[in-house]
N, C-alpha and C. Protein backbone atom coordinates (compact mmCIF):
# COMPACT_ATOMS: atom_id res chain seq x y z
N UNK A 1 0.81 -1.19 0.00
CA UNK A 1 0.00 0.00 0.00
C UNK A 1 0.86 1.26 0.00
N UNK A 2 1.98 1.21 0.65
CA UNK A 2 2.86 2.36 0.71
C UNK A 2 3.40 2.69 -0.68
N UNK A 3 3.71 1.66 -1.45
CA UNK A 3 4.22 1.88 -2.80
C UNK A 3 3.15 2.56 -3.66
N UNK A 4 1.89 2.19 -3.50
CA UNK A 4 0.79 2.81 -4.25
C UNK A 4 0.64 4.28 -3.86
N UNK A 5 0.76 4.60 -2.58
CA UNK A 5 0.65 5.98 -2.12
C UNK A 5 1.79 6.82 -2.70
N UNK A 6 3.00 6.26 -2.72
CA UNK A 6 4.15 6.99 -3.27
C UNK A 6 3.95 7.24 -4.77
N UNK A 7 3.46 6.24 -5.48
CA UNK A 7 3.23 6.40 -6.91
C UNK A 7 2.16 7.46 -7.18
N UNK A 8 1.09 7.43 -6.39
CA UNK A 8 0.02 8.41 -6.53
C UNK A 8 0.53 9.82 -6.21
N UNK A 9 1.32 9.93 -5.16
CA UNK A 9 1.89 11.21 -4.77
C UNK A 9 2.79 11.76 -5.89
N UNK A 10 3.65 10.92 -6.45
CA UNK A 10 4.54 11.35 -7.53
C UNK A 10 3.75 11.76 -8.77
N UNK A 11 2.70 11.03 -9.08
CA UNK A 11 1.87 11.37 -10.24
C UNK A 11 1.19 12.73 -10.04
N UNK A 12 0.62 12.96 -8.87
CA UNK A 12 -0.02 14.23 -8.58
C UNK A 12 0.99 15.38 -8.57
N UNK A 13 2.16 15.13 -8.03
CA UNK A 13 3.21 16.14 -8.00
C UNK A 13 3.64 16.51 -9.43
N UNK A 14 3.80 15.51 -10.28
CA UNK A 14 4.18 15.75 -11.67
C UNK A 14 3.12 16.56 -12.40
N UNK A 15 1.86 16.23 -12.21
CA UNK A 15 0.76 16.97 -12.84
C UNK A 15 0.73 18.41 -12.33
N UNK A 16 0.92 18.58 -11.03
CA UNK A 16 0.93 19.93 -10.44
C UNK A 16 2.04 20.80 -11.00
N UNK A 17 3.23 20.24 -11.12
CA UNK A 17 4.37 20.98 -11.68
C UNK A 17 4.11 21.32 -13.14
N UNK A 18 3.58 20.39 -13.89
CA UNK A 18 3.30 20.62 -15.31
C UNK A 18 2.27 21.73 -15.48
N UNK A 19 1.24 21.74 -14.66
CA UNK A 19 0.21 22.77 -14.77
C UNK A 19 0.72 24.13 -14.33
N UNK A 20 1.57 24.16 -13.33
CA UNK A 20 2.10 25.43 -12.84
C UNK A 20 3.02 26.08 -13.86
N UNK A 21 3.66 25.29 -14.69
CA UNK A 21 4.59 25.85 -15.67
C UNK A 21 3.89 26.32 -16.94
N UNK A 22 2.59 26.05 -17.08
CA UNK A 22 1.86 26.49 -18.27
C UNK A 22 1.56 27.98 -18.16
N UNK A 23 1.48 28.65 -19.30
CA UNK A 23 1.17 30.07 -19.36
C UNK A 23 -0.13 30.26 -20.11
N UNK A 24 -0.89 31.30 -19.72
CA UNK A 24 -2.14 31.56 -20.43
C UNK A 24 -1.91 32.42 -21.67
N UNK A 25 -0.68 32.87 -21.90
CA UNK A 25 -0.36 33.62 -23.12
C UNK A 25 -0.77 35.08 -23.08
N UNK A 26 -1.22 35.59 -21.93
CA UNK A 26 -1.66 36.97 -21.84
C UNK A 26 -0.56 37.93 -21.41
N UNK A 27 0.64 37.44 -21.19
CA UNK A 27 1.70 38.32 -20.72
C UNK A 27 2.20 39.22 -21.85
N UNK A 28 2.75 40.38 -21.48
CA UNK A 28 3.21 41.37 -22.44
C UNK A 28 4.34 40.86 -23.32
N UNK A 29 5.13 39.90 -22.83
CA UNK A 29 6.27 39.43 -23.60
C UNK A 29 5.85 38.64 -24.84
N UNK A 30 4.58 38.24 -24.93
CA UNK A 30 4.13 37.48 -26.09
C UNK A 30 3.78 38.39 -27.27
N UNK A 31 3.73 39.70 -27.06
CA UNK A 31 3.44 40.61 -28.16
C UNK A 31 4.60 40.60 -29.14
N UNK A 32 4.29 40.63 -30.42
CA UNK A 32 5.33 40.59 -31.43
C UNK A 32 5.62 41.97 -32.01
N UNK A 33 4.74 42.94 -31.76
CA UNK A 33 4.96 44.30 -32.25
C UNK A 33 4.36 45.28 -31.25
N UNK A 34 5.05 46.40 -31.05
CA UNK A 34 4.58 47.38 -30.09
C UNK A 34 4.99 48.78 -30.54
N UNK A 35 4.04 49.72 -30.46
CA UNK A 35 4.35 51.11 -30.79
C UNK A 35 5.27 51.69 -29.73
N UNK A 36 6.21 52.53 -30.13
CA UNK A 36 7.15 53.15 -29.20
C UNK A 36 7.25 54.64 -29.49
N UNK A 37 8.00 55.33 -28.66
CA UNK A 37 8.29 56.75 -28.90
C UNK A 37 7.08 57.65 -28.91
N UNK A 38 6.02 57.26 -28.21
CA UNK A 38 4.82 58.09 -28.15
C UNK A 38 3.97 58.07 -29.40
N UNK A 39 4.20 57.13 -30.30
CA UNK A 39 3.39 57.04 -31.52
C UNK A 39 1.94 56.76 -31.16
N UNK A 40 1.04 57.58 -31.67
CA UNK A 40 -0.39 57.43 -31.42
C UNK A 40 -1.04 56.64 -32.55
N UNK A 41 -2.17 56.01 -32.25
CA UNK A 41 -2.87 55.23 -33.27
C UNK A 41 -3.73 56.11 -34.18
N UNK A 42 -3.89 57.38 -33.85
CA UNK A 42 -4.57 58.32 -34.73
C UNK A 42 -3.62 59.48 -35.02
N UNK A 43 -3.38 59.74 -36.29
CA UNK A 43 -2.48 60.83 -36.72
C UNK A 43 -3.32 61.82 -37.53
N UNK A 44 -3.28 63.08 -37.15
CA UNK A 44 -4.01 64.11 -37.87
C UNK A 44 -3.03 64.95 -38.67
N UNK A 45 -3.33 65.12 -39.96
CA UNK A 45 -2.48 65.93 -40.84
C UNK A 45 -3.30 67.06 -41.43
N UNK A 46 -2.67 68.21 -41.55
CA UNK A 46 -3.33 69.35 -42.15
C UNK A 46 -3.22 69.26 -43.67
N UNK A 47 -4.09 69.97 -44.36
CA UNK A 47 -4.21 69.85 -45.82
C UNK A 47 -2.91 70.11 -46.56
N UNK A 48 -2.07 71.00 -46.03
CA UNK A 48 -0.84 71.35 -46.75
C UNK A 48 0.39 70.58 -46.27
N UNK A 49 0.25 69.69 -45.31
CA UNK A 49 1.40 68.93 -44.80
C UNK A 49 1.78 67.82 -45.77
N UNK A 50 3.08 67.60 -45.90
CA UNK A 50 3.56 66.53 -46.79
C UNK A 50 4.31 65.44 -46.04
N UNK A 51 4.56 65.63 -44.74
CA UNK A 51 5.17 64.58 -43.90
C UNK A 51 4.64 64.70 -42.49
N UNK A 52 4.72 63.61 -41.76
CA UNK A 52 4.48 63.64 -40.32
C UNK A 52 5.85 63.63 -39.67
N UNK A 53 6.08 64.56 -38.78
CA UNK A 53 7.43 64.79 -38.26
C UNK A 53 8.01 63.63 -37.47
N UNK A 54 7.22 62.96 -36.67
CA UNK A 54 7.76 61.89 -35.83
C UNK A 54 7.70 60.51 -36.47
N UNK A 55 6.89 60.34 -37.48
CA UNK A 55 6.75 59.04 -38.12
C UNK A 55 6.05 58.04 -37.22
N UNK A 56 6.09 56.79 -37.63
CA UNK A 56 5.50 55.69 -36.87
C UNK A 56 6.65 54.88 -36.29
N UNK A 57 6.78 54.89 -34.97
CA UNK A 57 7.88 54.18 -34.32
C UNK A 57 7.35 52.92 -33.67
N UNK A 58 8.05 51.80 -33.91
CA UNK A 58 7.63 50.54 -33.32
C UNK A 58 8.80 49.59 -33.21
N UNK A 59 8.61 48.57 -32.37
CA UNK A 59 9.58 47.50 -32.22
C UNK A 59 8.88 46.20 -32.59
N UNK A 60 9.51 45.41 -33.45
CA UNK A 60 8.96 44.12 -33.88
C UNK A 60 9.93 43.01 -33.47
N UNK A 61 9.38 41.90 -33.02
CA UNK A 61 10.22 40.77 -32.62
C UNK A 61 10.44 39.77 -33.75
N UNK A 62 9.75 39.99 -34.87
CA UNK A 62 9.92 39.13 -36.04
C UNK A 62 9.55 39.93 -37.29
N UNK A 63 9.56 39.30 -38.44
CA UNK A 63 9.26 39.98 -39.70
C UNK A 63 7.88 40.63 -39.66
N UNK A 64 7.74 41.78 -40.32
CA UNK A 64 6.48 42.52 -40.34
C UNK A 64 6.19 43.03 -41.75
N UNK A 65 4.91 43.36 -41.98
CA UNK A 65 4.49 43.97 -43.24
C UNK A 65 3.54 45.12 -42.93
N UNK A 66 3.48 46.09 -43.83
CA UNK A 66 2.58 47.24 -43.66
C UNK A 66 1.77 47.43 -44.94
N UNK A 67 0.50 47.78 -44.77
CA UNK A 67 -0.37 48.09 -45.90
C UNK A 67 -1.14 49.36 -45.59
N UNK A 68 -1.58 50.04 -46.64
CA UNK A 68 -2.40 51.25 -46.49
C UNK A 68 -3.71 51.01 -47.21
N UNK A 69 -4.81 51.30 -46.52
CA UNK A 69 -6.14 51.16 -47.09
C UNK A 69 -6.90 52.45 -46.87
N UNK A 70 -7.53 52.95 -47.92
CA UNK A 70 -8.34 54.15 -47.78
C UNK A 70 -9.64 53.80 -47.08
N UNK A 71 -10.06 54.70 -46.19
CA UNK A 71 -11.32 54.54 -45.48
C UNK A 71 -12.31 55.49 -46.13
N UNK A 72 -13.46 54.98 -46.53
CA UNK A 72 -14.47 55.82 -47.19
C UNK A 72 -14.99 56.85 -46.20
N UNK A 73 -14.93 58.13 -46.58
CA UNK A 73 -15.44 59.20 -45.72
C UNK A 73 -16.80 59.69 -46.19
N UNK A 74 -17.25 59.19 -47.33
CA UNK A 74 -18.58 59.51 -47.85
C UNK A 74 -19.23 58.20 -48.26
N UNK A 75 -20.32 58.28 -48.98
CA UNK A 75 -20.99 57.07 -49.45
C UNK A 75 -20.20 56.37 -50.55
N UNK A 76 -19.26 57.07 -51.14
CA UNK A 76 -18.44 56.46 -52.19
C UNK A 76 -17.56 55.37 -51.59
N UNK A 77 -17.30 54.37 -52.36
CA UNK A 77 -16.47 53.26 -51.88
C UNK A 77 -15.02 53.71 -51.73
N UNK A 78 -14.34 53.10 -50.78
CA UNK A 78 -12.92 53.39 -50.58
C UNK A 78 -12.14 52.89 -51.78
N UNK A 79 -11.13 53.62 -52.14
CA UNK A 79 -10.34 53.25 -53.30
C UNK A 79 -8.87 53.12 -52.97
N UNK A 80 -8.08 53.15 -54.02
CA UNK A 80 -6.63 53.04 -53.89
C UNK A 80 -6.09 54.31 -53.21
N UNK A 81 -5.13 54.14 -52.34
CA UNK A 81 -4.55 55.27 -51.64
C UNK A 81 -3.36 55.78 -52.44
N UNK A 82 -3.50 56.97 -53.00
CA UNK A 82 -2.39 57.53 -53.77
C UNK A 82 -1.84 58.81 -53.13
N UNK A 83 -2.36 59.17 -51.97
CA UNK A 83 -1.93 60.41 -51.33
C UNK A 83 -0.99 60.20 -50.15
N UNK A 84 -0.72 58.96 -49.79
CA UNK A 84 0.23 58.70 -48.70
C UNK A 84 1.10 57.50 -49.07
N UNK A 85 2.39 57.59 -48.79
CA UNK A 85 3.34 56.50 -49.01
C UNK A 85 4.18 56.32 -47.76
N UNK A 86 4.60 55.09 -47.51
CA UNK A 86 5.48 54.78 -46.39
C UNK A 86 6.90 54.61 -46.87
N UNK A 87 7.85 54.83 -45.98
CA UNK A 87 9.26 54.65 -46.34
C UNK A 87 9.63 53.18 -46.50
N UNK A 88 8.85 52.28 -45.89
CA UNK A 88 9.07 50.83 -46.03
C UNK A 88 7.74 50.12 -45.83
N UNK A 89 7.60 48.97 -46.46
CA UNK A 89 6.38 48.18 -46.34
C UNK A 89 6.62 46.81 -45.73
N UNK A 90 7.86 46.52 -45.38
CA UNK A 90 8.17 45.26 -44.70
C UNK A 90 9.56 45.36 -44.09
N UNK A 91 9.83 44.44 -43.18
CA UNK A 91 11.14 44.42 -42.54
C UNK A 91 11.26 43.22 -41.62
N UNK A 92 12.39 43.08 -41.00
CA UNK A 92 12.65 41.99 -40.07
C UNK A 92 12.44 42.46 -38.64
N UNK A 93 13.01 41.74 -37.69
CA UNK A 93 12.90 42.11 -36.29
C UNK A 93 13.76 43.34 -36.01
N UNK A 94 13.34 44.16 -35.06
CA UNK A 94 14.13 45.32 -34.66
C UNK A 94 13.28 46.53 -34.38
N UNK A 95 13.96 47.67 -34.22
CA UNK A 95 13.30 48.94 -33.98
C UNK A 95 13.22 49.71 -35.29
N UNK A 96 12.05 50.30 -35.56
CA UNK A 96 11.83 50.98 -36.84
C UNK A 96 11.13 52.31 -36.64
N UNK A 97 11.38 53.22 -37.57
CA UNK A 97 10.62 54.45 -37.70
C UNK A 97 10.20 54.57 -39.15
N UNK A 98 8.92 54.40 -39.41
CA UNK A 98 8.39 54.57 -40.76
C UNK A 98 8.05 56.03 -40.96
N UNK A 99 8.56 56.61 -42.03
CA UNK A 99 8.17 57.97 -42.37
C UNK A 99 7.10 57.91 -43.45
N UNK A 100 6.23 58.90 -43.42
CA UNK A 100 5.15 58.98 -44.39
C UNK A 100 5.35 60.19 -45.28
N UNK A 101 5.14 60.01 -46.56
CA UNK A 101 5.14 61.11 -47.51
C UNK A 101 3.70 61.29 -47.96
N UNK A 102 3.19 62.51 -47.80
CA UNK A 102 1.79 62.81 -48.11
C UNK A 102 1.70 63.81 -49.25
N UNK A 103 0.69 63.65 -50.07
CA UNK A 103 0.38 64.64 -51.09
C UNK A 103 -0.53 65.68 -50.44
N UNK A 104 -0.32 66.97 -50.69
CA UNK A 104 -1.21 67.98 -50.12
C UNK A 104 -2.66 67.72 -50.53
N UNK A 105 -3.58 68.01 -49.63
CA UNK A 105 -5.00 67.81 -49.92
C UNK A 105 -5.57 69.11 -50.48
N UNK A 106 -5.65 69.19 -51.78
CA UNK A 106 -6.15 70.39 -52.45
C UNK A 106 -7.60 70.23 -52.89
N UNK A 107 -8.23 69.12 -52.51
CA UNK A 107 -9.60 68.83 -52.95
C UNK A 107 -10.66 69.52 -52.10
N UNK A 108 -10.32 69.88 -50.87
CA UNK A 108 -11.31 70.45 -49.97
C UNK A 108 -12.17 69.39 -49.30
N UNK A 109 -11.95 68.12 -49.63
CA UNK A 109 -12.71 67.03 -49.03
C UNK A 109 -11.86 66.30 -47.99
N UNK A 110 -12.54 65.73 -47.02
CA UNK A 110 -11.84 64.94 -46.01
C UNK A 110 -11.28 63.67 -46.64
N UNK A 111 -10.17 63.23 -46.11
CA UNK A 111 -9.61 61.95 -46.56
C UNK A 111 -9.09 61.22 -45.33
N UNK A 112 -9.14 59.90 -45.42
CA UNK A 112 -8.80 59.08 -44.27
C UNK A 112 -8.24 57.76 -44.76
N UNK A 113 -7.19 57.28 -44.10
CA UNK A 113 -6.60 56.00 -44.46
C UNK A 113 -6.18 55.25 -43.20
N UNK A 114 -6.10 53.94 -43.32
CA UNK A 114 -5.61 53.09 -42.24
C UNK A 114 -4.30 52.45 -42.67
N UNK A 115 -3.32 52.53 -41.79
CA UNK A 115 -2.07 51.81 -41.99
C UNK A 115 -2.12 50.62 -41.06
N UNK A 116 -1.98 49.43 -41.62
CA UNK A 116 -1.97 48.20 -40.83
C UNK A 116 -0.56 47.62 -40.86
N UNK A 117 0.00 47.44 -39.66
CA UNK A 117 1.31 46.82 -39.54
C UNK A 117 1.09 45.48 -38.86
N UNK A 118 1.45 44.41 -39.56
CA UNK A 118 1.21 43.05 -39.07
C UNK A 118 2.54 42.39 -38.77
N UNK A 119 2.62 41.81 -37.57
CA UNK A 119 3.81 41.08 -37.15
C UNK A 119 3.33 39.86 -36.37
N UNK A 120 3.51 38.69 -36.94
CA UNK A 120 3.01 37.47 -36.29
C UNK A 120 1.50 37.53 -36.19
N UNK A 121 0.97 37.32 -34.99
CA UNK A 121 -0.47 37.35 -34.75
C UNK A 121 -0.97 38.72 -34.32
N UNK A 122 -0.08 39.71 -34.27
CA UNK A 122 -0.45 41.04 -33.78
C UNK A 122 -0.57 42.02 -34.94
N UNK A 123 -1.65 42.81 -34.92
CA UNK A 123 -1.86 43.85 -35.93
C UNK A 123 -2.05 45.18 -35.22
N UNK A 124 -1.33 46.19 -35.68
CA UNK A 124 -1.51 47.55 -35.18
C UNK A 124 -2.14 48.35 -36.31
N UNK A 125 -3.20 49.10 -35.98
CA UNK A 125 -3.88 49.94 -36.97
C UNK A 125 -3.67 51.40 -36.58
N UNK A 126 -3.17 52.18 -37.53
CA UNK A 126 -2.98 53.61 -37.32
C UNK A 126 -3.83 54.33 -38.34
N UNK A 127 -4.67 55.24 -37.87
CA UNK A 127 -5.59 55.99 -38.73
C UNK A 127 -4.97 57.35 -39.03
N UNK A 128 -4.95 57.71 -40.30
CA UNK A 128 -4.46 59.01 -40.74
C UNK A 128 -5.63 59.75 -41.34
N UNK A 129 -5.85 60.98 -40.85
CA UNK A 129 -6.91 61.80 -41.43
C UNK A 129 -6.49 63.24 -41.49
């Protein structure tokens, strides 16, 4: 009977240790991309501006890609974004500052775009208007 108790104790101890070492994945270290340097998720540009001074600063732990999508500001469908360009659309792990080149808004109409930066399972969306 003593041998059975020891075996049961060891089995329960092993299960307890295994469960204690598991992570729920909610810790900050699991993020693969993070904005840095005070970069905000909403950037406002004036009609005559052609660059944003601080750019988009972030740190990525693995390869990343960036895309720009126009957001419809009227009933018209969103189209191709030709008024904003990024200095890079992909990269590896590390610290980055993406600069944006903007065409002046001479139309008198509002314009809005989303920049999506994807790294692993994490997506950061930055709205430019």
